[in-house]
Amino acid sequence: MQKYVEIKRDGLTLRGMLHIPNDVSQKVPMVILLHGFCDDRNEINFVHNELSQRLCDAGIASVRFDMNGSGESDGRFEDMTVSSEILDAQAMLRYVRSLDFVDTKKIALHGCSLGGCVASMVAGKCKDQIRALSLWCPAPDLVYNLKEHKTLCNQDVSNIEKDGCADVEGLKLSLKFYQDACTLDPYKEASLFDKNVCTIHGDQDITASCECSYKYKEIFKERAKCIIVKGAEHRFKSFAFREARMQGALDFFERRIIIKKVKEFDMNHERKEPTTLFAIVSFLVIIAVLIIMINMGCNTTLSVFSGVIVSVITTRLLNIPWNEVERNIIKTAAECMPTFLIVIMVGMLEGIWMAGGTVPTLMYYGMQVVFSKNISTTSFCALCTYK
């Protein structure tokens, strides 16, 4: 069942939709859905509408409001700030906690884009009231880019202080929004949250970089699950991308807040911290494998590859997620690439000089100069140059 609802926040009316499962004979879990920048409670391509319906089918209630200045809620878009949206979300939290059919110990927050940034900050502020946090393409970089570079979703808004506002897709972004963003630190606020998190991001997202999700993973460590959908951008514009994001969130909610006897975040697979002894033994094993392979007459490439296999096995023993291992391999390779290119270019240049006779010529005439009657003059010039 779904019904239209309204709540008040500081004199503003926020309007939304409440979805209630058919069976409420006992208290049910609740998810609060927060939309993104310049969107409304239905979200991009109505994904929040679909998510609410599928949560309902799974026995989970949900509510999704238009933020102040967006959709059908009161207020002007130009008066909206990140801090005002945080106040909106806190008002929504108070509302769902007042509903008699809601299990107040099983309330989760979900946010998309800027809504994900807001959700993470509210989770940090209200950590004792939130059971789980779900993020789709979270965009805390909107705040940081605005503060540090005066850009908003790749749009230059450097004249915002001079003009008092900026034109964002035909909407007026106020100077107040910029000034408010300059006072915020979303990652620091979110880091206070101490429960499970799931973040889903497309690796082709240029609106909100997937580095944001990697940063959340770094902050929440083993309590966070980071799903990167290859080929997807900010809007997840394909059947497969949409379903991957939808199913990822549903699986997370069902495992974290629905009434099931599931161990918190698969504790049997919790990431382990390596001991000093483990680190030393792992290093010695890798060295031993390399020595054995070389003594067996294997070429260098195969020997190094064997060492890499041992390293990967080591990471699995520590329950380090494969996507993190893959990301670090790619990162290391990218960092070493300039060195590889220099070595390759020097080798090519040396081969060209040898084939063209440059190196033999230099050696021939060089030896004549050094080991001829001019040796005294050459030595004198060299000493003068040194001094």
Protein backbone atom coordinates (compact mmCIF):
# COMPACT_ATOMS: atom_id res chain seq x y z
CA MET A 1 0.00 0.00 0.00
CA GLN A 2 1.22 3.51 -0.67
CA LYS A 3 -0.19 6.82 0.45
CA TYR A 4 0.57 10.51 0.21
CA VAL A 5 2.01 12.06 3.40
CA GLU A 6 3.13 15.46 4.63
CA ILE A 7 5.42 16.57 7.43
CA LYS A 8 6.41 19.97 8.77
CA ARG A 9 9.94 21.24 9.18
CA ASP A 10 10.57 24.80 10.40
CA GLY A 11 7.35 26.05 8.84
CA LEU A 12 7.91 24.23 5.52
CA THR A 13 5.72 21.37 4.34
CA LEU A 14 7.59 18.41 2.90
CA ARG A 15 5.46 16.17 0.70
CA GLY A 16 6.11 12.53 -0.05
CA MET A 17 4.94 8.96 -0.47
CA LEU A 18 4.80 6.30 2.22
CA HIS A 19 4.96 2.63 1.17
CA ILE A 20 3.64 0.06 3.65
CA PRO A 21 3.83 -3.75 3.24
CA ASN A 22 0.52 -5.63 3.27
CA ASP A 23 1.42 -7.54 6.42
CA VAL A 24 2.03 -5.22 9.36
CA SER A 25 0.87 -7.65 12.03
CA GLN A 26 4.26 -7.05 13.55
CA LYS A 27 6.55 -4.05 13.35
CA VAL A 28 8.43 -3.79 10.06
CA PRO A 29 11.77 -2.32 8.95
CA MET A 30 11.82 1.12 7.32
CA VAL A 31 14.03 2.76 4.67
CA ILE A 32 14.17 6.54 4.16
CA LEU A 33 15.01 7.42 0.54
CA LEU A 34 16.77 10.73 -0.22
CA HIS A 35 16.90 12.06 -3.77
CA GLY A 36 19.74 13.91 -5.49
CA PHE A 37 20.49 17.43 -6.66
CA CYS A 38 17.86 18.92 -9.02
CA ASP A 39 15.68 15.79 -8.67
CA ASP A 40 12.57 14.80 -6.73
CA ARG A 41 11.27 11.88 -4.68
CA ASN A 42 10.92 9.62 -7.76
CA GLU A 43 14.61 10.10 -8.65
CA ILE A 44 16.26 9.64 -12.04
CA ASN A 45 14.14 7.44 -14.33
CA PHE A 46 11.78 6.76 -11.39
CA VAL A 47 14.29 4.41 -9.71
CA HIS A 48 13.21 5.38 -6.18
CA ASN A 49 9.61 4.65 -7.05
CA GLU A 50 10.61 1.17 -8.21
CA LEU A 51 12.89 0.64 -5.22
CA SER A 52 10.05 1.53 -2.82
CA GLN A 53 7.72 -0.96 -4.47
CA ARG A 54 10.29 -3.75 -4.42
CA LEU A 55 11.15 -3.05 -0.80
CA CYS A 56 7.44 -3.27 -0.01
CA ASP A 57 7.27 -6.68 -1.69
CA ALA A 58 10.17 -7.78 0.55
CA GLY A 59 8.29 -6.69 3.68
CA ILE A 60 10.17 -3.43 4.17
CA ALA A 61 8.37 -0.09 4.46
CA SER A 62 9.83 3.05 2.90
CA VAL A 63 9.23 6.75 2.61
CA ARG A 64 10.49 9.23 0.02
CA PHE A 65 9.97 12.97 0.32
CA ASP A 66 10.74 15.88 -1.96
CA MET A 67 13.45 17.96 -0.28
CA ASN A 68 12.74 21.61 0.45
CA GLY A 69 12.72 23.63 -2.78
CA SER A 70 12.34 20.48 -4.91
CA GLY A 71 9.35 18.68 -6.36
CA GLU A 72 6.09 19.45 -4.55
CA SER A 73 7.60 20.45 -1.20
CA ASP A 74 7.56 24.02 0.08
CA GLY A 75 10.47 26.39 -0.35
CA ARG A 76 12.46 27.78 -3.26
CA PHE A 77 15.31 25.91 -4.89
CA GLU A 78 17.52 28.98 -4.52
CA ASP A 79 17.08 28.81 -0.72
CA MET A 80 18.13 25.15 -0.53
CA THR A 81 21.50 24.17 0.96
CA VAL A 82 23.13 20.90 1.93
CA SER A 83 22.55 21.78 5.58
CA SER A 84 18.84 22.43 4.95
CA GLU A 85 18.56 19.00 3.30
CA ILE A 86 20.18 17.47 6.37
CA LEU A 87 17.45 19.12 8.46
CA ASP A 88 14.85 17.68 6.05
CA ALA A 89 16.26 14.17 6.46
CA GLN A 90 16.31 14.49 10.24
CA ALA A 91 12.64 15.55 10.14
CA MET A 92 11.87 12.45 8.05
CA LEU A 93 13.68 10.30 10.62
CA ARG A 94 11.60 11.74 13.45
CA TYR A 95 8.45 11.10 11.41
CA VAL A 96 9.13 7.40 10.69
CA ARG A 97 10.11 6.81 14.32
CA SER A 98 6.66 8.07 15.32
CA LEU A 99 4.83 5.50 13.14
CA ASP A 100 3.41 2.67 15.23
CA PHE A 101 4.08 -0.06 12.63
CA VAL A 102 7.80 0.76 12.28
CA ASP A 103 10.49 -1.18 14.12
CA THR A 104 12.62 1.73 15.30
CA LYS A 105 15.61 -0.58 15.69
CA LYS A 106 15.53 -1.34 11.97
CA ILE A 107 15.56 2.00 10.21
CA ALA A 108 17.94 2.47 7.27
CA LEU A 109 18.95 5.48 5.19
CA HIS A 110 19.33 5.39 1.42
CA GLY A 111 20.54 8.24 -0.78
CA CYS A 112 21.32 8.82 -4.44
CA SER A 113 23.94 11.32 -5.66
CA LEU A 114 23.82 14.40 -3.40
CA GLY A 115 21.16 12.51 -1.43
CA GLY A 116 23.86 9.92 -0.74
CA CYS A 117 26.15 12.61 0.65
CA VAL A 118 23.31 13.92 2.84
CA ALA A 119 22.37 10.39 3.96
CA SER A 120 25.95 9.63 5.03
CA MET A 121 26.16 12.82 7.07
CA VAL A 122 22.78 12.21 8.74
CA ALA A 123 23.88 8.64 9.52
CA GLY A 124 26.92 10.08 11.29
CA LYS A 125 24.83 12.59 13.22
CA CYS A 126 22.10 10.08 14.17
CA LYS A 127 24.12 6.87 14.30
CA ASP A 128 22.17 5.47 17.27
CA GLN A 129 18.93 5.63 15.27
CA ILE A 130 20.16 4.22 11.96
CA ARG A 131 20.68 0.49 11.36
CA ALA A 132 22.24 0.60 7.87
CA LEU A 133 23.29 3.03 5.14
CA SER A 134 22.85 2.52 1.39
CA LEU A 135 24.43 4.86 -1.17
CA TRP A 136 23.93 5.08 -4.93
CA CYS A 137 26.59 7.15 -6.74
CA PRO A 138 27.20 9.25 -3.59
CA ALA A 139 28.38 12.76 -4.46
CA PRO A 140 30.31 14.32 -1.57
CA ASP A 141 32.70 15.58 -4.24
CA LEU A 142 29.96 18.08 -5.17
CA VAL A 143 30.67 19.78 -1.85
CA TYR A 144 34.47 19.46 -2.03
CA ASN A 145 34.70 20.61 -5.67
CA LEU A 146 32.51 23.60 -4.90
CA LYS A 147 34.70 24.54 -1.94
CA GLU A 148 38.07 23.95 -3.56
CA HIS A 149 37.52 24.64 -7.26
CA LYS A 150 34.17 26.46 -7.53
CA THR A 151 32.85 23.82 -9.90
CA LEU A 152 29.53 22.01 -9.65
CA CYS A 153 29.07 18.75 -11.58
CA ASN A 154 31.85 19.86 -13.97
CA GLN A 155 30.23 23.29 -14.44
CA ASP A 156 32.27 26.41 -13.69
CA VAL A 157 30.51 28.55 -11.06
CA SER A 158 33.49 30.74 -10.19
CA ASN A 159 31.38 33.90 -10.58
CA ILE A 160 28.93 32.86 -7.88
CA GLU A 161 30.32 35.31 -5.31
CA LYS A 162 30.35 38.16 -7.81
CA ASP A 163 26.89 37.46 -9.26
CA GLY A 164 25.30 36.24 -6.02
CA CYS A 165 24.07 33.08 -7.76
CA ALA A 166 24.82 30.59 -10.55
CA ASP A 167 22.69 29.23 -13.37
CA VAL A 168 22.52 25.43 -12.97
CA GLU A 169 20.36 23.80 -15.63
CA GLY A 170 18.04 26.79 -15.57
CA LEU A 171 17.77 26.78 -11.77
CA LYS A 172 19.23 29.47 -9.51
CA LEU A 173 21.95 28.15 -7.22
CA SER A 174 22.36 30.69 -4.46
CA LEU A 175 25.49 32.13 -2.92
CA LYS A 176 24.13 30.72 0.34
CA PHE A 177 24.50 27.17 -1.05
CA TYR A 178 28.18 27.84 -1.83
CA GLN A 179 28.83 29.47 1.55
CA ASP A 180 27.16 26.57 3.34
CA ALA A 181 29.21 24.01 1.38
CA CYS A 182 32.40 25.77 2.46
CA THR A 183 31.59 24.97 6.11
CA LEU A 184 30.99 21.24 5.56
CA ASP A 185 33.20 18.15 5.63
CA PRO A 186 30.97 15.24 4.52
CA TYR A 187 33.56 12.48 4.99
CA LYS A 188 34.40 13.59 8.51
CA GLU A 189 30.72 13.70 9.46
CA ALA A 190 30.01 10.32 7.85
CA SER A 191 32.95 8.65 9.60
CA LEU A 192 31.01 8.79 12.89
CA PHE A 193 28.59 6.13 11.58
CA ASP A 194 29.49 2.74 13.06
CA LYS A 195 27.30 0.22 11.26
CA ASN A 196 27.06 -1.46 7.85
CA VAL A 197 27.26 0.47 4.59
CA CYS A 198 26.71 -0.47 0.94
CA THR A 199 27.80 1.86 -1.84
CA ILE A 200 27.10 1.22 -5.54
CA HIS A 201 28.80 3.26 -8.26
CA GLY A 202 29.43 3.19 -12.00
CA ASP A 203 33.06 3.30 -13.08
CA GLN A 204 32.18 5.70 -15.94
CA ASP A 205 30.47 8.24 -13.68
CA ILE A 206 31.79 11.75 -14.43
CA THR A 207 29.10 13.54 -12.41
CA ALA A 208 30.13 11.97 -9.11
CA SER A 209 33.46 10.16 -9.34
CA CYS A 210 33.54 6.54 -8.18
CA GLU A 211 36.52 7.64 -6.06
CA CYS A 212 33.81 8.83 -3.64
CA SER A 213 32.68 5.25 -3.09
CA TYR A 214 36.29 4.11 -2.71
CA LYS A 215 36.74 6.81 -0.05
CA TYR A 216 33.65 5.61 1.85
CA LYS A 217 35.06 2.08 1.68
CA GLU A 218 38.33 3.38 3.10
CA ILE A 219 36.48 5.15 5.92
CA PHE A 220 34.14 2.31 6.90
CA LYS A 221 36.65 -0.49 6.16
CA GLU A 222 35.25 -4.01 6.67
CA ARG A 223 31.80 -2.64 7.52
CA ALA A 224 31.37 -1.35 3.97
CA LYS A 225 30.58 -3.16 0.75
CA CYS A 226 31.62 -1.29 -2.39
CA ILE A 227 30.04 -2.44 -5.66
CA ILE A 228 31.51 -0.94 -8.85
CA VAL A 229 29.39 -1.55 -11.96
CA LYS A 230 31.68 -1.54 -15.00
CA GLY A 231 30.46 0.60 -17.89
CA ALA A 232 27.75 2.38 -15.88
CA GLU A 233 27.65 6.17 -15.58
CA HIS A 234 25.67 8.37 -13.17
CA ARG A 235 22.22 7.50 -14.51
CA PHE A 236 22.84 3.74 -14.98
CA LYS A 237 21.18 3.94 -18.41
CA SER A 238 20.63 0.30 -19.38
CA PHE A 239 18.49 -2.62 -18.20
CA ALA A 240 21.53 -4.46 -16.87
CA PHE A 241 23.01 -1.44 -15.05
CA ARG A 242 19.66 -0.50 -13.50
CA GLU A 243 19.01 -4.04 -12.28
CA ALA A 244 22.55 -4.41 -10.89
CA ARG A 245 22.10 -1.27 -8.79
CA MET A 246 18.57 -2.19 -7.73
CA GLN A 247 19.40 -5.77 -6.77
CA GLY A 248 22.54 -4.69 -4.92
CA ALA A 249 20.52 -2.37 -2.68
CA LEU A 250 17.73 -4.91 -2.14
CA ASP A 251 20.17 -7.66 -1.16
CA PHE A 252 21.87 -5.29 1.26
CA PHE A 253 18.61 -4.22 2.92
CA GLU A 254 17.32 -7.77 3.20
CA ARG A 255 20.53 -8.89 4.87
CA ARG A 256 20.94 -5.89 7.16
CA ILE A 257 17.51 -4.83 8.34
CA ILE A 258 14.90 -7.45 7.43
CA ILE A 259 13.91 -10.10 9.97
CA LYS A 260 16.43 -12.81 9.16
CA LYS A 261 19.00 -14.59 11.24
CA VAL A 262 22.03 -13.43 9.33
CA LYS A 263 25.33 -12.74 11.00
CA GLU A 264 26.32 -9.10 10.82
CA PHE A 265 28.12 -8.59 7.52
CA ASP A 266 29.31 -12.19 7.21
CA MET A 267 31.65 -12.11 10.15
CA ASN A 268 33.22 -15.40 8.98
CA HIS A 269 34.55 -13.41 6.05
CA GLU A 270 35.60 -10.36 8.02
CA ARG A 271 38.82 -8.76 6.83
CA LYS A 272 41.78 -9.76 9.00
CA GLU A 273 44.72 -7.60 10.01
CA PRO A 274 48.08 -9.29 9.26
CA THR A 275 50.38 -9.96 12.19
CA THR A 276 54.09 -9.16 11.98
CA LEU A 277 54.88 -12.89 11.78
CA PHE A 278 52.36 -13.38 8.95
CA ALA A 279 53.87 -10.47 6.99
CA ILE A 280 57.44 -11.82 7.40
CA VAL A 281 56.49 -15.38 6.48
CA SER A 282 54.51 -14.20 3.42
CA PHE A 283 57.49 -12.15 2.21
CA LEU A 284 59.91 -15.06 2.69
CA VAL A 285 57.56 -17.44 0.85
CA ILE A 286 57.40 -15.09 -2.14
CA ILE A 287 61.22 -14.80 -2.21
CA ALA A 288 61.55 -18.59 -1.91
CA VAL A 289 59.16 -19.16 -4.83
CA LEU A 290 61.12 -16.71 -7.00
CA ILE A 291 64.44 -18.41 -6.17
CA ILE A 292 63.04 -21.89 -6.85
CA MET A 293 61.52 -20.86 -10.17
CA ILE A 294 64.76 -19.20 -11.34
CA ASN A 295 66.89 -22.22 -10.29
CA MET A 296 64.51 -24.47 -12.25
CA GLY A 297 65.40 -22.50 -15.36
CA CYS A 298 62.07 -20.70 -15.70
CA ASN A 299 62.15 -17.34 -17.44
CA THR A 300 61.80 -14.11 -15.50
CA THR A 301 58.18 -13.47 -16.54
CA LEU A 302 56.97 -16.85 -15.27
CA SER A 303 58.93 -16.45 -12.03
CA VAL A 304 57.41 -13.04 -11.31
CA PHE A 305 53.94 -14.33 -12.21
CA SER A 306 54.37 -17.15 -9.68
CA GLY A 307 55.25 -14.57 -7.03
CA VAL A 308 52.11 -12.61 -7.91
CA ILE A 309 49.97 -15.74 -7.49
CA VAL A 310 51.41 -16.26 -4.00
CA SER A 311 50.65 -12.60 -3.18
CA VAL A 312 47.03 -13.00 -4.32
CA ILE A 313 46.65 -16.15 -2.18
CA THR A 314 47.97 -14.14 0.77
CA THR A 315 45.32 -11.45 0.27
CA ARG A 316 42.57 -14.09 0.15
CA LEU A 317 43.80 -15.56 3.46
CA LEU A 318 43.28 -12.07 4.92
CA ASN A 319 39.76 -11.89 3.37
CA ILE A 320 40.66 -8.80 1.36
CA PRO A 321 37.94 -8.29 -1.32
CA TRP A 322 39.08 -9.11 -4.85
CA ASN A 323 37.85 -5.76 -6.23
CA GLU A 324 40.20 -4.02 -3.78
CA VAL A 325 43.11 -6.24 -4.85
CA GLU A 326 42.31 -5.54 -8.51
CA ARG A 327 42.07 -1.80 -7.88
CA ASN A 328 45.46 -1.72 -6.13
CA ILE A 329 47.11 -3.74 -8.92
CA ILE A 330 45.80 -1.29 -11.51
CA LYS A 331 46.84 1.69 -9.37
CA THR A 332 50.39 0.35 -8.89
CA ALA A 333 50.74 -0.44 -12.59
CA ALA A 334 49.57 3.08 -13.47
CA GLU A 335 52.09 4.63 -11.07
CA CYS A 336 54.94 2.55 -12.52
CA MET A 337 53.99 3.20 -16.14
CA PRO A 338 56.17 6.35 -16.59
CA THR A 339 59.23 4.38 -15.43
CA PHE A 340 58.40 1.50 -17.79
CA LEU A 341 58.02 3.91 -20.70
CA ILE A 342 61.36 5.59 -19.96
CA VAL A 343 63.18 2.22 -19.85
CA ILE A 344 61.51 1.13 -23.10
CA MET A 345 62.38 4.41 -24.85
CA VAL A 346 66.02 4.28 -23.65
CA GLY A 347 66.28 0.71 -24.94
CA MET A 348 64.83 1.70 -28.31
CA LEU A 349 67.13 4.72 -28.57
CA GLU A 350 70.18 2.63 -27.67
CA GLY A 351 69.28 0.07 -30.34
CA ILE A 352 68.85 2.78 -32.97
CA TRP A 353 72.21 4.34 -32.06
CA MET A 354 73.94 0.95 -32.24
CA ALA A 355 72.36 0.08 -35.61
CA GLY A 356 73.09 3.54 -37.01
CA GLY A 357 76.73 3.43 -35.96
CA THR A 358 76.49 6.34 -33.51
CA VAL A 359 77.76 4.37 -30.48
CA PRO A 360 80.67 2.67 -32.37
CA THR A 361 81.68 6.03 -33.84
CA LEU A 362 81.71 7.70 -30.42
CA MET A 363 83.73 4.83 -28.98
CA TYR A 364 86.24 4.84 -31.88
CA TYR A 365 86.96 8.57 -31.89
CA GLY A 366 86.63 8.83 -28.15
CA MET A 367 89.34 6.29 -27.61
CA GLN A 368 91.59 8.10 -30.08
CA VAL A 369 91.21 11.34 -28.15
CA VAL A 370 91.74 9.79 -24.71
CA PHE A 371 94.57 7.40 -25.58
CA SER A 372 96.55 9.52 -28.05
CA LYS A 373 99.14 12.22 -27.84
CA ASN A 374 96.34 14.55 -26.67
CA ILE A 375 96.01 12.72 -23.35
CA SER A 376 97.70 15.57 -21.41
CA THR A 377 95.46 18.23 -22.95
CA THR A 378 92.35 16.08 -22.38
CA SER A 379 93.27 15.50 -18.72
CA PHE A 380 93.96 19.20 -18.15
CA CYS A 381 90.57 20.22 -19.65
CA ALA A 382 88.79 17.61 -17.56
CA LEU A 383 90.40 18.86 -14.35
CA CYS A 384 89.57 22.46 -15.16
CA THR A 385 85.96 21.53 -15.84
CA TYR A 386 85.77 19.63 -12.50
CA LYS A 387 87.05 22.66 -10.57
